[in-house]
Amino acid sequence: MRLITLALAGLLLLIQYPLWLGKGGWLRVWDMEQQVVAAKKKNDELRARNAKLDSEVQDLKDGTGAIEERARFELGMIKQDEVFVRVLPPNPAAGAPAPASASAPAPAPMLPPASRRP
């Protein structure tokens, strides 16, 4: 009787091995579910990024506001009749000389050749 009990317990353990540790076992299924959740999260982030880029592309194609904004901030361009004013931060020490870049005047905007006067 004891031999039969041990044999049945051994068979039970042999049957349980593929269920827990085998190719399609619970541990592998759990790991795959974690990978699916991570992939879905990454896909959602990429979808949001793509939607933002798509809206920016549409804005650049259709409107001039985005182009003007980029020209102003990235290239430092101004319109023809605008005045460029740069506000410098106060010097930390009143007696210290200002850095060379801060003391130099701002360059005058270039006018097209047709509007220059002799």
PDB file of N, CA and C in Angstrom:
ATOM      1  N   MET A   1       0.823  -1.187   0.000  1.00  0.00           N
ATOM      2  CA  MET A   1       0.000   0.000   0.000  1.00  0.00           C
ATOM      3  C   MET A   1       0.872   1.258   0.000  1.00  0.00           C
ATOM      4  N   ARG A   2       1.933   1.226   0.769  1.00  0.00           N
ATOM      5  CA  ARG A   2       2.834   2.364   0.859  1.00  0.00           C
ATOM      6  C   ARG A   2       3.520   2.592  -0.486  1.00  0.00           C
ATOM      7  N   LEU A   3       3.856   1.542  -1.186  1.00  0.00           N
ATOM      8  CA  LEU A   3       4.508   1.642  -2.487  1.00  0.00           C
ATOM      9  C   LEU A   3       3.575   2.285  -3.521  1.00  0.00           C
ATOM     10  N   ILE A   4       2.300   1.928  -3.469  1.00  0.00           N
ATOM     11  CA  ILE A   4       1.320   2.502  -4.390  1.00  0.00           C
ATOM     12  C   ILE A   4       1.150   3.996  -4.107  1.00  0.00           C
ATOM     13  N   THR A   5       1.124   4.386  -2.848  1.00  0.00           N
ATOM     14  CA  THR A   5       0.979   5.786  -2.462  1.00  0.00           C
ATOM     15  C   THR A   5       2.177   6.601  -2.969  1.00  0.00           C
ATOM     16  N   LEU A   6       3.376   6.070  -2.790  1.00  0.00           N
ATOM     17  CA  LEU A   6       4.567   6.764  -3.269  1.00  0.00           C
ATOM     18  C   LEU A   6       4.577   6.861  -4.792  1.00  0.00           C
ATOM     19  N   ALA A   7       4.141   5.806  -5.457  1.00  0.00           N
ATOM     20  CA  ALA A   7       4.094   5.816  -6.914  1.00  0.00           C
ATOM     21  C   ALA A   7       3.088   6.851  -7.410  1.00  0.00           C
ATOM     22  N   LEU A   8       1.915   6.916  -6.778  1.00  0.00           N
ATOM     23  CA  LEU A   8       0.916   7.901  -7.174  1.00  0.00           C
ATOM     24  C   LEU A   8       1.389   9.337  -6.890  1.00  0.00           C
ATOM     25  N   ALA A   9       2.072   9.546  -5.773  1.00  0.00           N
ATOM     26  CA  ALA A   9       2.618  10.874  -5.451  1.00  0.00           C
ATOM     27  C   ALA A   9       3.680  11.271  -6.477  1.00  0.00           C
ATOM     28  N   GLY A  10       4.516  10.325  -6.876  1.00  0.00           N
ATOM     29  CA  GLY A  10       5.529  10.592  -7.900  1.00  0.00           C
ATOM     30  C   GLY A  10       4.894  10.924  -9.233  1.00  0.00           C
ATOM     31  N   LEU A  11       3.849  10.192  -9.615  1.00  0.00           N
ATOM     32  CA  LEU A  11       3.148  10.488 -10.857  1.00  0.00           C
ATOM     33  C   LEU A  11       2.490  11.871 -10.805  1.00  0.00           C
ATOM     34  N   LEU A  12       1.941  12.199  -9.644  1.00  0.00           N
ATOM     35  CA  LEU A  12       1.321  13.519  -9.477  1.00  0.00           C
ATOM     36  C   LEU A  12       2.357  14.626  -9.671  1.00  0.00           C
ATOM     37  N   LEU A  13       3.559  14.433  -9.116  1.00  0.00           N
ATOM     38  CA  LEU A  13       4.619  15.423  -9.293  1.00  0.00           C
ATOM     39  C   LEU A  13       5.059  15.499 -10.756  1.00  0.00           C
ATOM     40  N   LEU A  14       5.130  14.375 -11.441  1.00  0.00           N
ATOM     41  CA  LEU A  14       5.505  14.374 -12.856  1.00  0.00           C
ATOM     42  C   LEU A  14       4.458  15.084 -13.709  1.00  0.00           C
ATOM     43  N   ILE A  15       3.195  14.959 -13.337  1.00  0.00           N
ATOM     44  CA  ILE A  15       2.133  15.643 -14.072  1.00  0.00           C
ATOM     45  C   ILE A  15       2.171  17.149 -13.799  1.00  0.00           C
ATOM     46  N   GLN A  16       2.525  17.538 -12.585  1.00  0.00           N
ATOM     47  CA  GLN A  16       2.560  18.947 -12.203  1.00  0.00           C
ATOM     48  C   GLN A  16       3.732  19.710 -12.820  1.00  0.00           C
ATOM     49  N   TYR A  17       4.826  19.010 -13.100  1.00  0.00           N
ATOM     50  CA  TYR A  17       6.012  19.693 -13.638  1.00  0.00           C
ATOM     51  C   TYR A  17       5.706  20.472 -14.923  1.00  0.00           C
ATOM     52  N   PRO A  18       5.101  19.869 -15.952  1.00  0.00           N
ATOM     53  CA  PRO A  18       4.824  20.655 -17.160  1.00  0.00           C
ATOM     54  C   PRO A  18       3.832  21.793 -16.912  1.00  0.00           C
ATOM     55  N   LEU A  19       2.925  21.602 -15.963  1.00  0.00           N
ATOM     56  CA  LEU A  19       1.938  22.636 -15.669  1.00  0.00           C
ATOM     57  C   LEU A  19       2.614  23.892 -15.117  1.00  0.00           C
ATOM     58  N   TRP A  20       3.597  23.748 -14.275  1.00  0.00           N
ATOM     59  CA  TRP A  20       4.234  24.892 -13.639  1.00  0.00           C
ATOM     60  C   TRP A  20       5.494  25.355 -14.364  1.00  0.00           C
ATOM     61  N   LEU A  21       6.328  24.428 -14.794  1.00  0.00           N
ATOM     62  CA  LEU A  21       7.636  24.801 -15.325  1.00  0.00           C
ATOM     63  C   LEU A  21       7.823  24.457 -16.793  1.00  0.00           C
ATOM     64  N   GLY A  22       6.865  23.830 -17.428  1.00  0.00           N
ATOM     65  CA  GLY A  22       7.011  23.394 -18.812  1.00  0.00           C
ATOM     66  C   GLY A  22       6.875  24.532 -19.803  1.00  0.00           C
ATOM     67  N   LYS A  23       6.833  24.171 -21.087  1.00  0.00           N
ATOM     68  CA  LYS A  23       6.814  25.148 -22.163  1.00  0.00           C
ATOM     69  C   LYS A  23       5.579  26.060 -22.109  1.00  0.00           C
ATOM     70  N   GLY A  24       4.442  25.546 -21.795  1.00  0.00           N
ATOM     71  CA  GLY A  24       3.223  26.351 -21.695  1.00  0.00           C
ATOM     72  C   GLY A  24       2.742  26.458 -20.265  1.00  0.00           C
ATOM     73  N   GLY A  25       3.670  26.430 -19.321  1.00  0.00           N
ATOM     74  CA  GLY A  25       3.304  26.430 -17.902  1.00  0.00           C
ATOM     75  C   GLY A  25       2.831  27.782 -17.401  1.00  0.00           C
ATOM     76  N   TRP A  26       2.341  27.758 -16.168  1.00  0.00           N
ATOM     77  CA  TRP A  26       1.794  28.971 -15.557  1.00  0.00           C
ATOM     78  C   TRP A  26       2.823  30.087 -15.422  1.00  0.00           C
ATOM     79  N   LEU A  27       4.051  29.733 -15.094  1.00  0.00           N
ATOM     80  CA  LEU A  27       5.074  30.768 -14.935  1.00  0.00           C
ATOM     81  C   LEU A  27       5.362  31.467 -16.267  1.00  0.00           C
ATOM     82  N   ARG A  28       5.421  30.706 -17.328  1.00  0.00           N
ATOM     83  CA  ARG A  28       5.671  31.300 -18.635  1.00  0.00           C
ATOM     84  C   ARG A  28       4.471  32.140 -19.087  1.00  0.00           C
ATOM     85  N   VAL A  29       3.280  31.679 -18.802  1.00  0.00           N
ATOM     86  CA  VAL A  29       2.075  32.448 -19.149  1.00  0.00           C
ATOM     87  C   VAL A  29       2.059  33.768 -18.381  1.00  0.00           C
ATOM     88  N   TRP A  30       2.405  33.723 -17.109  1.00  0.00           N
ATOM     89  CA  TRP A  30       2.440  34.942 -16.305  1.00  0.00           C
ATOM     90  C   TRP A  30       3.474  35.924 -16.863  1.00  0.00           C
ATOM     91  N   ASP A  31       4.647  35.391 -17.233  1.00  0.00           N
ATOM     92  CA  ASP A  31       5.694  36.229 -17.800  1.00  0.00           C
ATOM     93  C   ASP A  31       5.231  36.850 -19.122  1.00  0.00           C
ATOM     94  N   MET A  32       4.576  36.075 -19.952  1.00  0.00           N
ATOM     95  CA  MET A  32       4.068  36.594 -21.226  1.00  0.00           C
ATOM     96  C   MET A  32       3.006  37.665 -21.001  1.00  0.00           C
ATOM     97  N   GLU A  33       2.154  37.495 -20.013  1.00  0.00           N
ATOM     98  CA  GLU A  33       1.138  38.508 -19.714  1.00  0.00           C
ATOM     99  C   GLU A  33       1.794  39.818 -19.279  1.00  0.00           C
ATOM    100  N   GLN A  34       2.885  39.726 -18.515  1.00  0.00           N
ATOM    101  CA  GLN A  34       3.607  40.930 -18.106  1.00  0.00           C
ATOM    102  C   GLN A  34       4.221  41.623 -19.316  1.00  0.00           C
ATOM    103  N   GLN A  35       4.738  40.843 -20.255  1.00  0.00           N
ATOM    104  CA  GLN A  35       5.303  41.428 -21.468  1.00  0.00           C
ATOM    105  C   GLN A  35       4.226  42.099 -22.320  1.00  0.00           C
ATOM    106  N   VAL A  36       3.039  41.502 -22.375  1.00  0.00           N
ATOM    107  CA  VAL A  36       1.933  42.086 -23.144  1.00  0.00           C
ATOM    108  C   VAL A  36       1.511  43.418 -22.532  1.00  0.00           C
ATOM    109  N   VAL A  37       1.427  43.473 -21.201  1.00  0.00           N
ATOM    110  CA  VAL A  37       1.053  44.715 -20.522  1.00  0.00           C
ATOM    111  C   VAL A  37       2.091  45.803 -20.802  1.00  0.00           C
ATOM    112  N   ALA A  38       3.376  45.443 -20.739  1.00  0.00           N
ATOM    113  CA  ALA A  38       4.432  46.426 -21.006  1.00  0.00           C
ATOM    114  C   ALA A  38       4.369  46.901 -22.460  1.00  0.00           C
ATOM    115  N   ALA A  39       4.116  45.981 -23.395  1.00  0.00           N
ATOM    116  CA  ALA A  39       4.034  46.356 -24.811  1.00  0.00           C
ATOM    117  C   ALA A  39       2.832  47.263 -25.067  1.00  0.00           C
ATOM    118  N   LYS A  40       1.694  46.999 -24.413  1.00  0.00           N
ATOM    119  CA  LYS A  40       0.523  47.856 -24.584  1.00  0.00           C
ATOM    120  C   LYS A  40       0.780  49.261 -24.047  1.00  0.00           C
ATOM    121  N   LYS A  41       1.472  49.342 -22.913  1.00  0.00           N
ATOM    122  CA  LYS A  41       1.792  50.644 -22.334  1.00  0.00           C
ATOM    123  C   LYS A  41       2.703  51.430 -23.283  1.00  0.00           C
ATOM    124  N   LYS A  42       3.712  50.765 -23.820  1.00  0.00           N
ATOM    125  CA  LYS A  42       4.629  51.416 -24.764  1.00  0.00           C
ATOM    126  C   LYS A  42       3.887  51.856 -26.022  1.00  0.00           C
ATOM    127  N   ASN A  43       2.973  51.013 -26.519  1.00  0.00           N
ATOM    128  CA  ASN A  43       2.188  51.369 -27.703  1.00  0.00           C
ATOM    129  C   ASN A  43       1.326  52.594 -27.457  1.00  0.00           C
ATOM    130  N   ASP A  44       0.723  52.674 -26.269  1.00  0.00           N
ATOM    131  CA  ASP A  44      -0.098  53.847 -25.944  1.00  0.00           C
ATOM    132  C   ASP A  44       0.746  55.122 -25.928  1.00  0.00           C
ATOM    133  N   GLU A  45       1.960  55.024 -25.347  1.00  0.00           N
ATOM    134  CA  GLU A  45       2.846  56.186 -25.327  1.00  0.00           C
ATOM    135  C   GLU A  45       3.231  56.597 -26.754  1.00  0.00           C
ATOM    136  N   LEU A  46       3.527  55.609 -27.593  1.00  0.00           N
ATOM    137  CA  LEU A  46       3.918  55.914 -28.969  1.00  0.00           C
ATOM    138  C   LEU A  46       2.750  56.472 -29.770  1.00  0.00           C
ATOM    139  N   ARG A  47       1.528  55.991 -29.500  1.00  0.00           N
ATOM    140  CA  ARG A  47       0.354  56.542 -30.179  1.00  0.00           C
ATOM    141  C   ARG A  47       0.167  58.018 -29.820  1.00  0.00           C
ATOM    142  N   ALA A  48       0.337  58.334 -28.528  1.00  0.00           N
ATOM    143  CA  ALA A  48       0.201  59.729 -28.098  1.00  0.00           C
ATOM    144  C   ALA A  48       1.271  60.597 -28.760  1.00  0.00           C
ATOM    145  N   ARG A  49       2.498  60.094 -28.834  1.00  0.00           N
ATOM    146  CA  ARG A  49       3.586  60.830 -29.481  1.00  0.00           C
ATOM    147  C   ARG A  49       3.294  61.024 -30.966  1.00  0.00           C
ATOM    148  N   ASN A  50       2.811  59.979 -31.620  1.00  0.00           N
ATOM    149  CA  ASN A  50       2.489  60.083 -33.043  1.00  0.00           C
ATOM    150  C   ASN A  50       1.361  61.084 -33.293  1.00  0.00           C
ATOM    151  N   ALA A  51       0.367  61.091 -32.408  1.00  0.00           N
ATOM    152  CA  ALA A  51      -0.736  62.040 -32.564  1.00  0.00           C
ATOM    153  C   ALA A  51      -0.232  63.476 -32.417  1.00  0.00           C
ATOM    154  N   LYS A  52       0.674  63.688 -31.475  1.00  0.00           N
ATOM    155  CA  LYS A  52       1.237  65.030 -31.279  1.00  0.00           C
ATOM    156  C   LYS A  52       2.037  65.451 -32.511  1.00  0.00           C
ATOM    157  N   LEU A  53       2.866  64.546 -33.028  1.00  0.00           N
ATOM    158  CA  LEU A  53       3.650  64.859 -34.220  1.00  0.00           C
ATOM    159  C   LEU A  53       2.751  65.089 -35.433  1.00  0.00           C
ATOM    160  N   ASP A  54       1.691  64.299 -35.551  1.00  0.00           N
ATOM    161  CA  ASP A  54       0.765  64.462 -36.668  1.00  0.00           C
ATOM    162  C   ASP A  54       0.077  65.821 -36.615  1.00  0.00           C
ATOM    163  N   SER A  55      -0.329  66.237 -35.413  1.00  0.00           N
ATOM    164  CA  SER A  55      -0.969  67.549 -35.304  1.00  0.00           C
ATOM    165  C   SER A  55       0.010  68.665 -35.623  1.00  0.00           C
ATOM    166  N   GLU A  56       1.277  68.489 -35.237  1.00  0.00           N
ATOM    167  CA  GLU A  56       2.279  69.506 -35.554  1.00  0.00           C
ATOM    168  C   GLU A  56       2.534  69.567 -37.064  1.00  0.00           C
ATOM    169  N   VAL A  57       2.565  68.415 -37.730  1.00  0.00           N
ATOM    170  CA  VAL A  57       2.748  68.386 -39.183  1.00  0.00           C
ATOM    171  C   VAL A  57       1.573  69.060 -39.869  1.00  0.00           C
ATOM    172  N   GLN A  58       0.348  68.767 -39.428  1.00  0.00           N
ATOM    173  CA  GLN A  58      -0.828  69.399 -40.020  1.00  0.00           C
ATOM    174  C   GLN A  58      -0.796  70.912 -39.809  1.00  0.00           C
ATOM    175  N   ASP A  59      -0.362  71.341 -38.631  1.00  0.00           N
ATOM    176  CA  ASP A  59      -0.279  72.771 -38.353  1.00  0.00           C
ATOM    177  C   ASP A  59       0.757  73.430 -39.251  1.00  0.00           C
ATOM    178  N   LEU A  60       1.881  72.753 -39.475  1.00  0.00           N
ATOM    179  CA  LEU A  60       2.906  73.318 -40.353  1.00  0.00           C
ATOM    180  C   LEU A  60       2.437  73.358 -41.804  1.00  0.00           C
ATOM    181  N   LYS A  61       1.634  72.377 -42.219  1.00  0.00           N
ATOM    182  CA  LYS A  61       1.144  72.354 -43.592  1.00  0.00           C
ATOM    183  C   LYS A  61       0.060  73.405 -43.815  1.00  0.00           C
ATOM    184  N   ASP A  62      -0.849  73.540 -42.864  1.00  0.00           N
ATOM    185  CA  ASP A  62      -2.029  74.365 -43.070  1.00  0.00           C
ATOM    186  C   ASP A  62      -1.872  75.805 -42.590  1.00  0.00           C
ATOM    187  N   GLY A  63      -1.248  76.009 -41.452  1.00  0.00           N
ATOM    188  CA  GLY A  63      -1.212  77.343 -40.872  1.00  0.00           C
ATOM    189  C   GLY A  63       0.158  77.962 -40.933  1.00  0.00           C
ATOM    190  N   THR A  64       0.172  79.287 -40.841  1.00  0.00           N
ATOM    191  CA  THR A  64       1.441  79.991 -40.839  1.00  0.00           C
ATOM    192  C   THR A  64       1.884  80.339 -39.426  1.00  0.00           C
ATOM    193  N   GLY A  65       1.024  80.146 -38.453  1.00  0.00           N
ATOM    194  CA  GLY A  65       1.357  80.497 -37.070  1.00  0.00           C
ATOM    195  C   GLY A  65       2.526  79.689 -36.534  1.00  0.00           C
ATOM    196  N   ALA A  66       2.544  78.396 -36.827  1.00  0.00           N
ATOM    197  CA  ALA A  66       3.629  77.553 -36.323  1.00  0.00           C
ATOM    198  C   ALA A  66       4.940  77.887 -37.012  1.00  0.00           C
ATOM    199  N   ILE A  67       4.873  78.202 -38.286  1.00  0.00           N
ATOM    200  CA  ILE A  67       6.095  78.562 -39.016  1.00  0.00           C
ATOM    201  C   ILE A  67       6.665  79.868 -38.465  1.00  0.00           C
ATOM    202  N   GLU A  68       5.778  80.827 -38.220  1.00  0.00           N
ATOM    203  CA  GLU A  68       6.234  82.113 -37.672  1.00  0.00           C
ATOM    204  C   GLU A  68       6.822  81.928 -36.275  1.00  0.00           C
ATOM    205  N   GLU A  69       6.189  81.084 -35.461  1.00  0.00           N
ATOM    206  CA  GLU A  69       6.684  80.842 -34.113  1.00  0.00           C
ATOM    207  C   GLU A  69       8.075  80.215 -34.148  1.00  0.00           C
ATOM    208  N   ARG A  70       8.268  79.226 -35.021  1.00  0.00           N
ATOM    209  CA  ARG A  70       9.590  78.594 -35.138  1.00  0.00           C
ATOM    210  C   ARG A  70      10.634  79.596 -35.632  1.00  0.00           C
ATOM    211  N   ALA A  71      10.270  80.428 -36.591  1.00  0.00           N
ATOM    212  CA  ALA A  71      11.212  81.408 -37.113  1.00  0.00           C
ATOM    213  C   ALA A  71      11.614  82.398 -36.027  1.00  0.00           C
ATOM    214  N   ARG A  72      10.672  82.790 -35.191  1.00  0.00           N
ATOM    215  CA  ARG A  72      10.973  83.755 -34.138  1.00  0.00           C
ATOM    216  C   ARG A  72      11.868  83.152 -33.054  1.00  0.00           C
ATOM    217  N   PHE A  73      11.524  81.962 -32.569  1.00  0.00           N
ATOM    218  CA  PHE A  73      12.233  81.408 -31.421  1.00  0.00           C
ATOM    219  C   PHE A  73      13.502  80.657 -31.799  1.00  0.00           C
ATOM    220  N   GLU A  74      13.496  79.947 -32.899  1.00  0.00           N
ATOM    221  CA  GLU A  74      14.665  79.150 -33.254  1.00  0.00           C
ATOM    222  C   GLU A  74      15.669  79.940 -34.089  1.00  0.00           C
ATOM    223  N   LEU A  75      15.192  80.845 -34.944  1.00  0.00           N
ATOM    224  CA  LEU A  75      16.086  81.581 -35.822  1.00  0.00           C
ATOM    225  C   LEU A  75      16.270  83.037 -35.414  1.00  0.00           C
ATOM    226  N   GLY A  76      15.471  83.514 -34.455  1.00  0.00           N
ATOM    227  CA  GLY A  76      15.601  84.886 -33.977  1.00  0.00           C
ATOM    228  C   GLY A  76      15.137  85.920 -34.983  1.00  0.00           C
ATOM    229  N   MET A  77      14.217  85.577 -35.835  1.00  0.00           N
ATOM    230  CA  MET A  77      13.741  86.503 -36.859  1.00  0.00           C
ATOM    231  C   MET A  77      12.668  87.425 -36.290  1.00  0.00           C
ATOM    232  N   ILE A  78      12.560  88.631 -36.888  1.00  0.00           N
ATOM    233  CA  ILE A  78      11.512  89.569 -36.508  1.00  0.00           C
ATOM    234  C   ILE A  78      10.855  90.078 -37.778  1.00  0.00           C
ATOM    235  N   LYS A  79       9.671  90.670 -37.616  1.00  0.00           N
ATOM    236  CA  LYS A  79       8.964  91.225 -38.780  1.00  0.00           C
ATOM    237  C   LYS A  79       9.610  92.535 -39.196  1.00  0.00           C
ATOM    238  N   GLN A  80       9.214  93.043 -40.346  1.00  0.00           N
ATOM    239  CA  GLN A  80       9.880  94.213 -40.936  1.00  0.00           C
ATOM    240  C   GLN A  80       9.740  95.459 -40.066  1.00  0.00           C
ATOM    241  N   ASP A  81       8.577  95.751 -39.529  1.00  0.00           N
ATOM    242  CA  ASP A  81       8.384  96.992 -38.772  1.00  0.00           C
ATOM    243  C   ASP A  81       8.408  96.770 -37.262  1.00  0.00           C
ATOM    244  N   GLU A  82       8.929  95.674 -36.811  1.00  0.00           N
ATOM    245  CA  GLU A  82       9.010  95.413 -35.374  1.00  0.00           C
ATOM    246  C   GLU A  82      10.306  95.961 -34.808  1.00  0.00           C
ATOM    247  N   VAL A  83      10.277  96.215 -33.508  1.00  0.00           N
ATOM    248  CA  VAL A  83      11.466  96.673 -32.806  1.00  0.00           C
ATOM    249  C   VAL A  83      11.879  95.566 -31.853  1.00  0.00           C
ATOM    250  N   PHE A  84      13.133  95.164 -31.921  1.00  0.00           N
ATOM    251  CA  PHE A  84      13.647  94.111 -31.054  1.00  0.00           C
ATOM    252  C   PHE A  84      14.185  94.740 -29.785  1.00  0.00           C
ATOM    253  N   VAL A  85      13.686  94.324 -28.637  1.00  0.00           N
ATOM    254  CA  VAL A  85      14.127  94.836 -27.346  1.00  0.00           C
ATOM    255  C   VAL A  85      14.587  93.656 -26.519  1.00  0.00           C
ATOM    256  N   ARG A  86      15.811  93.742 -25.999  1.00  0.00           N
ATOM    257  CA  ARG A  86      16.329  92.682 -25.139  1.00  0.00           C
ATOM    258  C   ARG A  86      16.480  93.252 -23.742  1.00  0.00           C
ATOM    259  N   VAL A  87      15.893  92.587 -22.763  1.00  0.00           N
ATOM    260  CA  VAL A  87      15.971  93.017 -21.371  1.00  0.00           C
ATOM    261  C   VAL A  87      17.046  92.176 -20.703  1.00  0.00           C
ATOM    262  N   LEU A  88      18.062  92.843 -20.184  1.00  0.00           N
ATOM    263  CA  LEU A  88      19.161  92.143 -19.525  1.00  0.00           C
ATOM    264  C   LEU A  88      18.867  92.009 -18.040  1.00  0.00           C
ATOM    265  N   PRO A  89      19.274  90.898 -17.437  1.00  0.00           N
ATOM    266  CA  PRO A  89      19.087  90.759 -15.993  1.00  0.00           C
ATOM    267  C   PRO A  89      20.044  91.702 -15.260  1.00  0.00           C
ATOM    268  N   PRO A  90      19.683  92.108 -14.047  1.00  0.00           N
ATOM    269  CA  PRO A  90      20.564  93.018 -13.312  1.00  0.00           C
ATOM    270  C   PRO A  90      21.886  92.318 -12.974  1.00  0.00           C
ATOM    271  N   ASN A  91      22.963  93.126 -12.901  1.00  0.00           N
ATOM    272  CA  ASN A  91      24.280  92.580 -12.565  1.00  0.00           C
ATOM    273  C   ASN A  91      24.286  92.122 -11.119  1.00  0.00           C
ATOM    274  N   PRO A  92      24.916  90.973 -10.818  1.00  0.00           N
ATOM    275  CA  PRO A  92      24.968  90.521  -9.426  1.00  0.00           C
ATOM    276  C   PRO A  92      25.807  91.459  -8.559  1.00  0.00           C
ATOM    277  N   ALA A  93      26.877  91.992  -9.106  1.00  0.00           N
ATOM    278  CA  ALA A  93      27.704  92.956  -8.371  1.00  0.00           C
ATOM    279  C   ALA A  93      27.672  94.266  -9.158  1.00  0.00           C
ATOM    280  N   ALA A  94      27.330  95.354  -8.485  1.00  0.00           N
ATOM    281  CA  ALA A  94      27.175  96.640  -9.167  1.00  0.00           C
ATOM    282  C   ALA A  94      28.485  97.109  -9.782  1.00  0.00           C
ATOM    283  N   GLY A  95      29.619  96.835  -9.163  1.00  0.00           N
ATOM    284  CA  GLY A  95      30.908  97.307  -9.659  1.00  0.00           C
ATOM    285  C   GLY A  95      31.505  96.383 -10.704  1.00  0.00           C
ATOM    286  N   ALA A  96      30.989  95.189 -10.850  1.00  0.00           N
ATOM    287  CA  ALA A  96      31.584  94.237 -11.795  1.00  0.00           C
ATOM    288  C   ALA A  96      31.191  94.601 -13.213  1.00  0.00           C
ATOM    289  N   PRO A  97      32.123  94.503 -14.144  1.00  0.00           N
ATOM    290  CA  PRO A  97      31.771  94.816 -15.533  1.00  0.00           C
ATOM    291  C   PRO A  97      30.839  93.749 -16.103  1.00  0.00           C
ATOM    292  N   ALA A  98      29.992  94.164 -17.012  1.00  0.00           N
ATOM    293  CA  ALA A  98      29.060  93.231 -17.649  1.00  0.00           C
ATOM    294  C   ALA A  98      29.827  92.356 -18.624  1.00  0.00           C
ATOM    295  N   PRO A  99      29.376  91.126 -18.849  1.00  0.00           N
ATOM    296  CA  PRO A  99      30.037  90.273 -19.831  1.00  0.00           C
ATOM    297  C   PRO A  99      29.972  90.898 -21.214  1.00  0.00           C
ATOM    298  N   ALA A 100      30.905  90.547 -22.067  1.00  0.00           N
ATOM    299  CA  ALA A 100      31.006  91.149 -23.399  1.00  0.00           C
ATOM    300  C   ALA A 100      29.744  90.923 -24.209  1.00  0.00           C
ATOM    301  N   SER A 101      29.136  89.743 -24.084  1.00  0.00           N
ATOM    302  CA  SER A 101      27.943  89.466 -24.877  1.00  0.00           C
ATOM    303  C   SER A 101      26.745  90.278 -24.395  1.00  0.00           C
ATOM    304  N   ALA A 102      26.698  90.610 -23.123  1.00  0.00           N
ATOM    305  CA  ALA A 102      25.563  91.361 -22.596  1.00  0.00           C
ATOM    306  C   ALA A 102      25.698  92.847 -22.893  1.00  0.00           C
ATOM    307  N   SER A 103      26.928  93.354 -23.027  1.00  0.00           N
ATOM    308  CA  SER A 103      27.092  94.781 -23.243  1.00  0.00           C
ATOM    309  C   SER A 103      27.024  95.159 -24.713  1.00  0.00           C
ATOM    310  N   ALA A 104      27.155  94.184 -25.599  1.00  0.00           N
ATOM    311  CA  ALA A 104      27.103  94.489 -27.033  1.00  0.00           C
ATOM    312  C   ALA A 104      25.669  94.780 -27.435  1.00  0.00           C
ATOM    313  N   PRO A 105      25.472  95.792 -28.315  1.00  0.00           N
ATOM    314  CA  PRO A 105      24.101  96.097 -28.744  1.00  0.00           C
ATOM    315  C   PRO A 105      23.562  94.994 -29.642  1.00  0.00           C
ATOM    316  N   ALA A 106      22.256  94.907 -29.679  1.00  0.00           N
ATOM    317  CA  ALA A 106      21.614  93.904 -30.524  1.00  0.00           C
ATOM    318  C   ALA A 106      21.803  94.286 -31.981  1.00  0.00           C
ATOM    319  N   PRO A 107      22.033  93.319 -32.859  1.00  0.00           N
ATOM    320  CA  PRO A 107      22.221  93.658 -34.273  1.00  0.00           C
ATOM    321  C   PRO A 107      20.933  94.196 -34.871  1.00  0.00           C
ATOM    322  N   ALA A 108      21.090  95.149 -35.773  1.00  0.00           N
ATOM    323  CA  ALA A 108      19.931  95.739 -36.436  1.00  0.00           C
ATOM    324  C   ALA A 108      19.377  94.740 -37.441  1.00  0.00           C
ATOM    325  N   PRO A 109      18.050  94.712 -37.627  1.00  0.00           N
ATOM    326  CA  PRO A 109      17.482  93.770 -38.590  1.00  0.00           C
ATOM    327  C   PRO A 109      17.882  94.147 -40.008  1.00  0.00           C
ATOM    328  N   MET A 110      18.103  93.124 -40.810  1.00  0.00           N
ATOM    329  CA  MET A 110      18.484  93.350 -42.195  1.00  0.00           C
ATOM    330  C   MET A 110      17.243  93.662 -43.000  1.00  0.00           C
ATOM    331  N   LEU A 111      17.262  94.744 -43.790  1.00  0.00           N
ATOM    332  CA  LEU A 111      16.147  95.091 -44.641  1.00  0.00           C
ATOM    333  C   LEU A 111      16.412  94.564 -46.028  1.00  0.00           C
ATOM    334  N   PRO A 112      15.368  94.251 -46.778  1.00  0.00           N
ATOM    335  CA  PRO A 112      15.578  93.782 -48.144  1.00  0.00           C
ATOM    336  C   PRO A 112      16.232  94.883 -48.974  1.00  0.00           C
ATOM    337  N   PRO A 113      16.977  94.536 -50.027  1.00  0.00           N
ATOM    338  CA  PRO A 113      17.696  95.548 -50.826  1.00  0.00           C
ATOM    339  C   PRO A 113      16.781  96.605 -51.407  1.00  0.00           C
ATOM    340  N   ALA A 114      15.544  96.335 -51.736  1.00  0.00           N
ATOM    341  CA  ALA A 114      14.645  97.313 -52.351  1.00  0.00           C
ATOM    342  C   ALA A 114      14.283  98.422 -51.371  1.00  0.00           C
ATOM    343  N   SER A 115      14.278  98.151 -50.069  1.00  0.00           N
ATOM    344  CA  SER A 115      13.824  99.167 -49.113  1.00  0.00           C
ATOM    345  C   SER A 115      14.975  99.971 -48.519  1.00  0.00           C
ATOM    346  N   ARG A 116      16.221  99.702 -48.909  1.00  0.00           N
ATOM    347  CA  ARG A 116      17.358 100.475 -48.390  1.00  0.00           C
ATOM    348  C   ARG A 116      17.384 101.843 -49.077  1.00  0.00           C
ATOM    349  N   ARG A 117      17.749 102.826 -48.309  1.00  0.00           N
ATOM    350  CA  ARG A 117      17.815 104.189 -48.851  1.00  0.00           C
ATOM    351  C   ARG A 117      19.270 104.608 -48.940  1.00  0.00           C
ATOM    352  N   PRO A 118      19.664 105.329 -50.011  1.00  0.00           N
ATOM    353  CA  PRO A 118      21.080 105.756 -50.156  1.00  0.00           C
ATOM    354  C   PRO A 118      21.448 106.877 -49.222  1.00  0.00           C
TER     355      PRO A 118
END
